[in-house]
Structures are given as structure tokens and as C-alpha cells.
Amino acid sequence: MRRIPTIFISAAFALALPLATLPSSAWASGDDISKINGSVTVEAGQPAGDVSSVNGSVHIGSGAQVEKANTVNGSIDLGDNGHAKSLETVNGAVTLGSASRVGGDVTAVNGGLRLAQGAEVLGKVGNVNGAIALEAAHVAGGINTVTGDITVGANSHVEGGILVDESHGWIHNNTHTPVIVIGPHAVVQGTLEFRREVVLKVSDSAQIGPVKGATVVKFSGATP
């Protein structure tokens, strides 16, 4: 993905990014759920199909599983041990509970992304604005942002590298300098590429791939 804003703006209108899939045997059938001007809840342990809301949040309970969850003007939270094939939001945050699993991408336009301990995303994790934080979590498809801070917390594992893209169009005037922190014993495989000014802080016990466009500042201890 070479021009993040273009792709995310398309997602805001189409909400139809390609999905990585889990084996069909891993998914129980469930009904689609949609709502306008209201939140949607999938109860703990229950299955659902596509879940969506406009002007409302999506809450997926612990141990529940859904096909695709998306919302405009609302947040998404996937409970502990929850499963989904993709999560997408415009103007809202996304939170993944502990030991949760997403088979495809987790994306936002204006919103933070948080992955709790043991959470796993088999696709990409990305946004335009908002902090991205991993807490001993795994991302298989890389992380990307434009103006967001990124924290790859202790013992987290990222494959596919990190991309901080340059600003385009409607976010061109955002002057925030992203801060990228790679925590103790974290591993980032692939290139860490920065197309705008960033502050890159890397634990002396972390492992990272090649760095383009930034200077590594080493730190010791739990945090910079």
C-alpha cells in the first residue's frame, strides 16, 4: 500500500477491503446485524455475520465471532477471545481484547488502534490519525499510519514492517511528528520506512529490520 490516504478514503465510502480468511470450519453461522443512529452489540459467545453501524459503535462480546465489523462515526471493540475476519471504522477507535483474533485487516481513518496482550491480526493494522499500540500482540501484515504515534510494546511481534507515509490532500496541514517506540524484546520484521519526520526510539533488547528515513535512538529499561 503505497498511498495510505487514498485507500483509507475509499474505505470510508465503500468499506470493502479484501479480507484474509480463516478456515470455514472455524466460523459458526450467524445473522447480519446493521443499524443507523445506534450501537450494535454481539453478546458474549454468540456468532454473527456482517455487523455494521452508522453513527454508532460496534461491541463484540468475549468469545463472540463475526464475519466483518464496520462502522462510520463509532468505535469497535472486540472482546477477549473474540474472532473476526476484519474490522474497519471511520471516525472511531478500534480495541482488540486479550487473545482475540482477526483474520484480515484492522483499519481506521480517524481513530486509535489498540491490541491487548495476546491479540493477533493476520492482515494489516493501519490508520491515518490516532495512536497505534500493541501490548505483547502479533501483527502479521505490517503497520501503517500517516500522523499517528506507534508503540510496539514489550514482547510484541510485527511482520511486514512499519510504514509512516507522507501527508496528502486533506491531512497535509497536520504538523504532528509521529513518535515510534519499539519496546523491550519486541520484534519487527521487514523494513521500517518513514516518509515524513518521525522520532524513532528502539529498545536495546528489541530486534528490527532495515530503517529508511529515520535515525534510531536507543533506550534501555521498560520505556524511553
C-alpha atoms as a PDB file:
ATOM      1  CA  MET A   1       0.000   0.000   0.000  1.00  0.00           C
ATOM      2  CA  ARG A   2       1.868   2.992  -1.236  1.00  0.00           C
ATOM      3  CA  ARG A   3      -0.595   5.873  -0.694  1.00  0.00           C
ATOM      4  CA  ILE A   4      -2.440   5.213   2.524  1.00  0.00           C
ATOM      5  CA  PRO A   5      -4.834   8.181   2.488  1.00  0.00           C
ATOM      6  CA  THR A   6      -6.264   7.263  -0.918  1.00  0.00           C
ATOM      7  CA  ILE A   7      -7.004   3.726   0.184  1.00  0.00           C
ATOM      8  CA  PHE A   8      -8.495   4.770   3.513  1.00  0.00           C
ATOM      9  CA  ILE A   9     -10.705   7.421   1.915  1.00  0.00           C
ATOM     10  CA  SER A  10     -12.034   4.742  -0.419  1.00  0.00           C
ATOM     11  CA  ALA A  11     -12.689   2.551   2.607  1.00  0.00           C
ATOM     12  CA  ALA A  12     -14.706   5.326   4.193  1.00  0.00           C
ATOM     13  CA  PHE A  13     -17.221   5.135   1.366  1.00  0.00           C
ATOM     14  CA  ALA A  14     -17.014   1.512   0.284  1.00  0.00           C
ATOM     15  CA  LEU A  15     -15.893  -0.305   3.445  1.00  0.00           C
ATOM     16  CA  ALA A  16     -14.892  -3.190   1.261  1.00  0.00           C
ATOM     17  CA  LEU A  17     -11.214  -4.022   1.659  1.00  0.00           C
ATOM     18  CA  PRO A  18     -10.113  -7.535   0.635  1.00  0.00           C
ATOM     19  CA  LEU A  19     -10.186  -9.975   3.509  1.00  0.00           C
ATOM     20  CA  ALA A  20      -7.802 -12.679   4.575  1.00  0.00           C
ATOM     21  CA  THR A  21      -9.843 -15.687   5.616  1.00  0.00           C
ATOM     22  CA  LEU A  22      -9.784 -18.273   8.336  1.00  0.00           C
ATOM     23  CA  PRO A  23     -10.814 -21.856   7.632  1.00  0.00           C
ATOM     24  CA  SER A  24     -14.588 -22.093   7.210  1.00  0.00           C
ATOM     25  CA  SER A  25     -14.743 -24.684   9.975  1.00  0.00           C
ATOM     26  CA  ALA A  26     -13.646 -22.001  12.444  1.00  0.00           C
ATOM     27  CA  TRP A  27     -16.829 -19.958  11.918  1.00  0.00           C
ATOM     28  CA  ALA A  28     -20.344 -20.655  13.098  1.00  0.00           C
ATOM     29  CA  SER A  29     -23.138 -19.181  11.002  1.00  0.00           C
ATOM     30  CA  GLY A  30     -24.886 -16.048  12.247  1.00  0.00           C
ATOM     31  CA  ASP A  31     -27.237 -13.341  11.042  1.00  0.00           C
ATOM     32  CA  ASP A  32     -26.079  -9.986   9.688  1.00  0.00           C
ATOM     33  CA  ILE A  33     -26.746  -7.053  12.011  1.00  0.00           C
ATOM     34  CA  SER A  34     -26.922  -3.398  10.932  1.00  0.00           C
ATOM     35  CA  LYS A  35     -28.173  -0.200  12.479  1.00  0.00           C
ATOM     36  CA  ILE A  36     -28.334   3.521  11.677  1.00  0.00           C
ATOM     37  CA  ASN A  37     -28.033   6.043  14.514  1.00  0.00           C
ATOM     38  CA  GLY A  38     -27.407   3.416  17.133  1.00  0.00           C
ATOM     39  CA  SER A  39     -24.887   0.951  18.503  1.00  0.00           C
ATOM     40  CA  VAL A  40     -24.762  -2.773  17.770  1.00  0.00           C
ATOM     41  CA  THR A  41     -23.879  -5.468  20.310  1.00  0.00           C
ATOM     42  CA  VAL A  42     -22.978  -9.106  19.702  1.00  0.00           C
ATOM     43  CA  GLU A  43     -23.386 -10.894  23.004  1.00  0.00           C
ATOM     44  CA  ALA A  44     -20.557 -12.908  24.550  1.00  0.00           C
ATOM     45  CA  GLY A  45     -20.047 -16.281  22.954  1.00  0.00           C
ATOM     46  CA  GLN A  46     -22.526 -15.670  20.132  1.00  0.00           C
ATOM     47  CA  PRO A  47     -21.944 -15.849  16.350  1.00  0.00           C
ATOM     48  CA  ALA A  48     -22.929 -13.161  13.854  1.00  0.00           C
ATOM     49  CA  GLY A  49     -22.423 -12.401  10.180  1.00  0.00           C
ATOM     50  CA  ASP A  50     -21.537  -8.926   8.948  1.00  0.00           C
ATOM     51  CA  VAL A  51     -22.053  -6.327  11.691  1.00  0.00           C
ATOM     52  CA  SER A  52     -22.298  -2.635  10.834  1.00  0.00           C
ATOM     53  CA  SER A  53     -23.468   0.719  12.152  1.00  0.00           C
ATOM     54  CA  VAL A  54     -23.677   4.324  11.028  1.00  0.00           C
ATOM     55  CA  ASN A  55     -23.443   6.857  13.857  1.00  0.00           C
ATOM     56  CA  GLY A  56     -22.985   4.130  16.424  1.00  0.00           C
ATOM     57  CA  SER A  57     -20.420   1.766  17.883  1.00  0.00           C
ATOM     58  CA  VAL A  58     -19.998  -1.981  17.476  1.00  0.00           C
ATOM     59  CA  HIS A  59     -19.453  -4.093  20.591  1.00  0.00           C
ATOM     60  CA  ILE A  60     -18.404  -7.710  20.120  1.00  0.00           C
ATOM     61  CA  GLY A  61     -18.523  -9.651  23.380  1.00  0.00           C
ATOM     62  CA  SER A  62     -15.953 -12.033  24.816  1.00  0.00           C
ATOM     63  CA  GLY A  63     -15.699 -15.229  22.830  1.00  0.00           C
ATOM     64  CA  ALA A  64     -18.101 -13.973  20.152  1.00  0.00           C
ATOM     65  CA  GLN A  65     -17.283 -14.302  16.471  1.00  0.00           C
ATOM     66  CA  VAL A  66     -18.322 -12.200  13.496  1.00  0.00           C
ATOM     67  CA  GLU A  67     -17.578 -12.108   9.812  1.00  0.00           C
ATOM     68  CA  LYS A  68     -16.872  -8.404   9.207  1.00  0.00           C
ATOM     69  CA  ALA A  69     -17.489  -5.459  11.521  1.00  0.00           C
ATOM     70  CA  ASN A  70     -17.531  -1.866  10.307  1.00  0.00           C
ATOM     71  CA  THR A  71     -18.887   1.462  11.426  1.00  0.00           C
ATOM     72  CA  VAL A  72     -18.895   5.126  10.475  1.00  0.00           C
ATOM     73  CA  ASN A  73     -18.769   7.610  13.360  1.00  0.00           C
ATOM     74  CA  GLY A  74     -18.329   4.988  16.026  1.00  0.00           C
ATOM     75  CA  SER A  75     -15.816   2.713  17.709  1.00  0.00           C
ATOM     76  CA  ILE A  76     -15.345  -1.055  17.506  1.00  0.00           C
ATOM     77  CA  ASP A  77     -14.313  -3.257  20.390  1.00  0.00           C
ATOM     78  CA  LEU A  78     -13.616  -6.957  20.050  1.00  0.00           C
ATOM     79  CA  GLY A  79     -13.798  -8.731  23.390  1.00  0.00           C
ATOM     80  CA  ASP A  80     -11.323 -11.161  24.915  1.00  0.00           C
ATOM     81  CA  ASN A  81     -11.037 -14.342  22.840  1.00  0.00           C
ATOM     82  CA  GLY A  82     -13.296 -12.804  20.187  1.00  0.00           C
ATOM     83  CA  HIS A  83     -12.872 -13.564  16.488  1.00  0.00           C
ATOM     84  CA  ALA A  84     -13.498 -11.517  13.345  1.00  0.00           C
ATOM     85  CA  LYS A  85     -12.449 -11.585   9.718  1.00  0.00           C
ATOM     86  CA  SER A  86     -11.934  -7.814   9.512  1.00  0.00           C
ATOM     87  CA  LEU A  87     -12.600  -4.623  11.462  1.00  0.00           C
ATOM     88  CA  GLU A  88     -12.987  -1.210   9.806  1.00  0.00           C
ATOM     89  CA  THR A  89     -14.060   2.152  11.156  1.00  0.00           C
ATOM     90  CA  VAL A  90     -14.232   5.759  10.016  1.00  0.00           C
ATOM     91  CA  ASN A  91     -14.060   8.314  12.835  1.00  0.00           C
ATOM     92  CA  GLY A  92     -13.671   5.894  15.694  1.00  0.00           C
ATOM     93  CA  ALA A  93     -11.209   3.791  17.664  1.00  0.00           C
ATOM     94  CA  VAL A  94     -10.680   0.029  17.472  1.00  0.00           C
ATOM     95  CA  THR A  95      -9.820  -2.070  20.520  1.00  0.00           C
ATOM     96  CA  LEU A  96      -8.905  -5.761  20.469  1.00  0.00           C
ATOM     97  CA  GLY A  97      -9.181  -7.665  23.739  1.00  0.00           C
ATOM     98  CA  SER A  98      -6.704 -10.208  25.024  1.00  0.00           C
ATOM     99  CA  ALA A  99      -6.278 -13.374  22.952  1.00  0.00           C
ATOM    100  CA  SER A 100      -8.637 -12.036  20.273  1.00  0.00           C
ATOM    101  CA  ARG A 101      -8.008 -12.834  16.621  1.00  0.00           C
ATOM    102  CA  VAL A 102      -8.701 -11.037  13.335  1.00  0.00           C
ATOM    103  CA  GLY A 103      -8.181 -12.960  10.121  1.00  0.00           C
ATOM    104  CA  GLY A 104      -7.758  -9.913   7.875  1.00  0.00           C
ATOM    105  CA  ASP A 105      -7.119  -6.184   8.230  1.00  0.00           C
ATOM    106  CA  VAL A 106      -7.860  -3.797  11.083  1.00  0.00           C
ATOM    107  CA  THR A 107      -8.214  -0.256   9.742  1.00  0.00           C
ATOM    108  CA  ALA A 108      -9.375   3.182  10.828  1.00  0.00           C
ATOM    109  CA  VAL A 109      -9.350   6.645   9.313  1.00  0.00           C
ATOM    110  CA  ASN A 110      -9.550   8.956  12.308  1.00  0.00           C
ATOM    111  CA  GLY A 111      -9.085   6.767  15.343  1.00  0.00           C
ATOM    112  CA  GLY A 112      -6.637   4.933  17.537  1.00  0.00           C
ATOM    113  CA  LEU A 113      -5.969   1.199  17.409  1.00  0.00           C
ATOM    114  CA  ARG A 114      -5.129  -0.870  20.487  1.00  0.00           C
ATOM    115  CA  LEU A 115      -4.234  -4.565  20.643  1.00  0.00           C
ATOM    116  CA  ALA A 116      -4.222  -6.112  24.108  1.00  0.00           C
ATOM    117  CA  GLN A 117      -1.961  -8.918  25.272  1.00  0.00           C
ATOM    118  CA  GLY A 118      -2.103 -11.964  23.043  1.00  0.00           C
ATOM    119  CA  ALA A 119      -4.241 -10.320  20.362  1.00  0.00           C
ATOM    120  CA  GLU A 120      -3.423 -11.370  16.809  1.00  0.00           C
ATOM    121  CA  VAL A 121      -4.111  -9.737  13.431  1.00  0.00           C
ATOM    122  CA  LEU A 122      -3.275 -11.802  10.369  1.00  0.00           C
ATOM    123  CA  GLY A 123      -3.586  -8.839   7.992  1.00  0.00           C
ATOM    124  CA  LYS A 124      -2.509  -5.199   8.260  1.00  0.00           C
ATOM    125  CA  VAL A 125      -3.095  -2.748  11.081  1.00  0.00           C
ATOM    126  CA  GLY A 126      -3.345   0.841   9.932  1.00  0.00           C
ATOM    127  CA  ASN A 127      -4.906   4.270  10.260  1.00  0.00           C
ATOM    128  CA  VAL A 128      -4.388   7.860   9.199  1.00  0.00           C
ATOM    129  CA  ASN A 129      -4.708   9.684  12.521  1.00  0.00           C
ATOM    130  CA  GLY A 130      -4.562   8.236  16.022  1.00  0.00           C
ATOM    131  CA  ALA A 131      -2.181   6.239  18.183  1.00  0.00           C
ATOM    132  CA  ILE A 132      -1.488   2.573  17.451  1.00  0.00           C
ATOM    133  CA  ALA A 133      -0.476   0.453  20.449  1.00  0.00           C
ATOM    134  CA  LEU A 134       0.429  -3.234  20.744  1.00  0.00           C
ATOM    135  CA  GLU A 135       0.714  -4.930  24.135  1.00  0.00           C
ATOM    136  CA  ALA A 136       2.515  -8.247  23.620  1.00  0.00           C
ATOM    137  CA  ALA A 137       0.430  -8.682  20.463  1.00  0.00           C
ATOM    138  CA  HIS A 138       1.102 -10.062  16.974  1.00  0.00           C
ATOM    139  CA  VAL A 139       0.514  -8.377  13.600  1.00  0.00           C
ATOM    140  CA  ALA A 140       1.331 -10.450  10.525  1.00  0.00           C
ATOM    141  CA  GLY A 141       0.751  -7.906   7.754  1.00  0.00           C
ATOM    142  CA  GLY A 142       2.592  -4.795   8.892  1.00  0.00           C
ATOM    143  CA  ILE A 143       1.599  -1.485  10.476  1.00  0.00           C
ATOM    144  CA  ASN A 144       0.987   1.793   8.669  1.00  0.00           C
ATOM    145  CA  THR A 145      -0.077   5.315   9.553  1.00  0.00           C
ATOM    146  CA  VAL A 146       0.379   8.907   8.444  1.00  0.00           C
ATOM    147  CA  THR A 147       0.266  11.065  11.564  1.00  0.00           C
ATOM    148  CA  GLY A 148      -0.259   8.519  14.348  1.00  0.00           C
ATOM    149  CA  ASP A 149       2.164   7.516  17.067  1.00  0.00           C
ATOM    150  CA  ILE A 150       3.061   3.808  17.140  1.00  0.00           C
ATOM    151  CA  THR A 151       4.031   1.774  20.193  1.00  0.00           C
ATOM    152  CA  VAL A 152       5.117  -1.798  19.566  1.00  0.00           C
ATOM    153  CA  GLY A 153       5.058  -2.827  23.193  1.00  0.00           C
ATOM    154  CA  ALA A 154       7.241  -5.302  25.038  1.00  0.00           C
ATOM    155  CA  ASN A 155       7.251  -8.823  23.561  1.00  0.00           C
ATOM    156  CA  SER A 156       5.127  -7.825  20.573  1.00  0.00           C
ATOM    157  CA  HIS A 157       5.838  -9.251  17.120  1.00  0.00           C
ATOM    158  CA  VAL A 158       5.228  -7.427  13.829  1.00  0.00           C
ATOM    159  CA  GLU A 159       5.808  -8.956  10.419  1.00  0.00           C
ATOM    160  CA  GLY A 160       5.650  -6.870   7.266  1.00  0.00           C
ATOM    161  CA  GLY A 161       7.448  -3.847   8.680  1.00  0.00           C
ATOM    162  CA  ILE A 162       6.199  -0.370   9.529  1.00  0.00           C
ATOM    163  CA  LEU A 163       5.302   2.452   7.132  1.00  0.00           C
ATOM    164  CA  VAL A 164       4.693   6.069   8.119  1.00  0.00           C
ATOM    165  CA  ASP A 165       3.553   7.721   4.916  1.00  0.00           C
ATOM    166  CA  GLU A 166       3.784  11.354   3.893  1.00  0.00           C
ATOM    167  CA  SER A 167       0.746  13.599   4.156  1.00  0.00           C
ATOM    168  CA  HIS A 168      -1.517  14.121   1.167  1.00  0.00           C
ATOM    169  CA  GLY A 169      -4.622  16.169   0.472  1.00  0.00           C
ATOM    170  CA  TRP A 170      -6.902  16.803   3.405  1.00  0.00           C
ATOM    171  CA  ILE A 171      -4.288  15.874   6.055  1.00  0.00           C
ATOM    172  CA  HIS A 172      -1.450  17.856   4.501  1.00  0.00           C
ATOM    173  CA  ASN A 173      -1.545  20.551   7.187  1.00  0.00           C
ATOM    174  CA  ASN A 174      -1.180  18.158  10.113  1.00  0.00           C
ATOM    175  CA  THR A 175       2.198  19.064  11.624  1.00  0.00           C
ATOM    176  CA  HIS A 176       2.341  16.372  14.328  1.00  0.00           C
ATOM    177  CA  THR A 177       5.659  14.492  14.380  1.00  0.00           C
ATOM    178  CA  PRO A 178       4.875  10.806  14.966  1.00  0.00           C
ATOM    179  CA  VAL A 179       6.732   9.042  17.773  1.00  0.00           C
ATOM    180  CA  ILE A 180       7.547   5.402  17.082  1.00  0.00           C
ATOM    181  CA  VAL A 181       8.550   3.225  20.044  1.00  0.00           C
ATOM    182  CA  ILE A 182       9.757  -0.368  19.728  1.00  0.00           C
ATOM    183  CA  GLY A 183       9.693  -1.844  23.226  1.00  0.00           C
ATOM    184  CA  PRO A 184      11.796  -4.400  25.077  1.00  0.00           C
ATOM    185  CA  HIS A 185      12.115  -7.791  23.395  1.00  0.00           C
ATOM    186  CA  ALA A 186       9.765  -6.706  20.611  1.00  0.00           C
ATOM    187  CA  VAL A 187      10.463  -7.944  17.082  1.00  0.00           C
ATOM    188  CA  VAL A 188       9.697  -6.024  13.883  1.00  0.00           C
ATOM    189  CA  GLN A 189      10.474  -7.992  10.735  1.00  0.00           C
ATOM    190  CA  GLY A 190      10.647  -6.141   7.441  1.00  0.00           C
ATOM    191  CA  THR A 191      11.565  -2.557   6.613  1.00  0.00           C
ATOM    192  CA  LEU A 192      10.727   0.357   8.883  1.00  0.00           C
ATOM    193  CA  GLU A 193      10.109   3.110   6.309  1.00  0.00           C
ATOM    194  CA  PHE A 194       9.427   6.736   7.192  1.00  0.00           C
ATOM    195  CA  ARG A 195       8.379   9.201   4.508  1.00  0.00           C
ATOM    196  CA  ARG A 196       7.998  12.079   6.925  1.00  0.00           C
ATOM    197  CA  GLU A 197       9.874  13.235  10.003  1.00  0.00           C
ATOM    198  CA  VAL A 198       9.470  10.899  12.977  1.00  0.00           C
ATOM    199  CA  VAL A 199      11.096  10.196  16.318  1.00  0.00           C
ATOM    200  CA  LEU A 200      12.172   6.546  16.384  1.00  0.00           C
ATOM    201  CA  LYS A 201      13.003   5.035  19.786  1.00  0.00           C
ATOM    202  CA  VAL A 202      14.115   1.401  19.915  1.00  0.00           C
ATOM    203  CA  SER A 203      14.832  -0.715  22.988  1.00  0.00           C
ATOM    204  CA  ASP A 204      18.317  -2.141  23.170  1.00  0.00           C
ATOM    205  CA  SER A 205      16.738  -5.601  23.526  1.00  0.00           C
ATOM    206  CA  ALA A 206      14.413  -5.259  20.513  1.00  0.00           C
ATOM    207  CA  GLN A 207      15.043  -6.690  17.055  1.00  0.00           C
ATOM    208  CA  ILE A 208      14.164  -4.657  13.968  1.00  0.00           C
ATOM    209  CA  GLY A 209      14.669  -4.769  10.224  1.00  0.00           C
ATOM    210  CA  PRO A 210      16.269  -2.121   7.975  1.00  0.00           C
ATOM    211  CA  VAL A 211      15.362   1.521   8.699  1.00  0.00           C
ATOM    212  CA  LYS A 212      14.707   4.066   5.929  1.00  0.00           C
ATOM    213  CA  GLY A 213      14.165   7.757   6.569  1.00  0.00           C
ATOM    214  CA  ALA A 214      14.849   7.959  10.324  1.00  0.00           C
ATOM    215  CA  THR A 215      17.623   7.712  12.883  1.00  0.00           C
ATOM    216  CA  VAL A 216      17.323   5.094  15.632  1.00  0.00           C
ATOM    217  CA  VAL A 217      17.505   6.390  19.206  1.00  0.00           C
ATOM    218  CA  LYS A 218      18.299   3.501  21.542  1.00  0.00           C
ATOM    219  CA  PHE A 219      16.908   3.228  25.079  1.00  0.00           C
ATOM    220  CA  SER A 220      17.164   0.769  27.959  1.00  0.00           C
ATOM    221  CA  GLY A 221      14.568  -0.143  30.539  1.00  0.00           C
ATOM    222  CA  ALA A 222      10.819  -0.609  30.147  1.00  0.00           C
ATOM    223  CA  THR A 223      10.119   2.722  28.421  1.00  0.00           C
ATOM    224  CA  PRO A 224      12.129   5.509  26.740  1.00  0.00           C
END
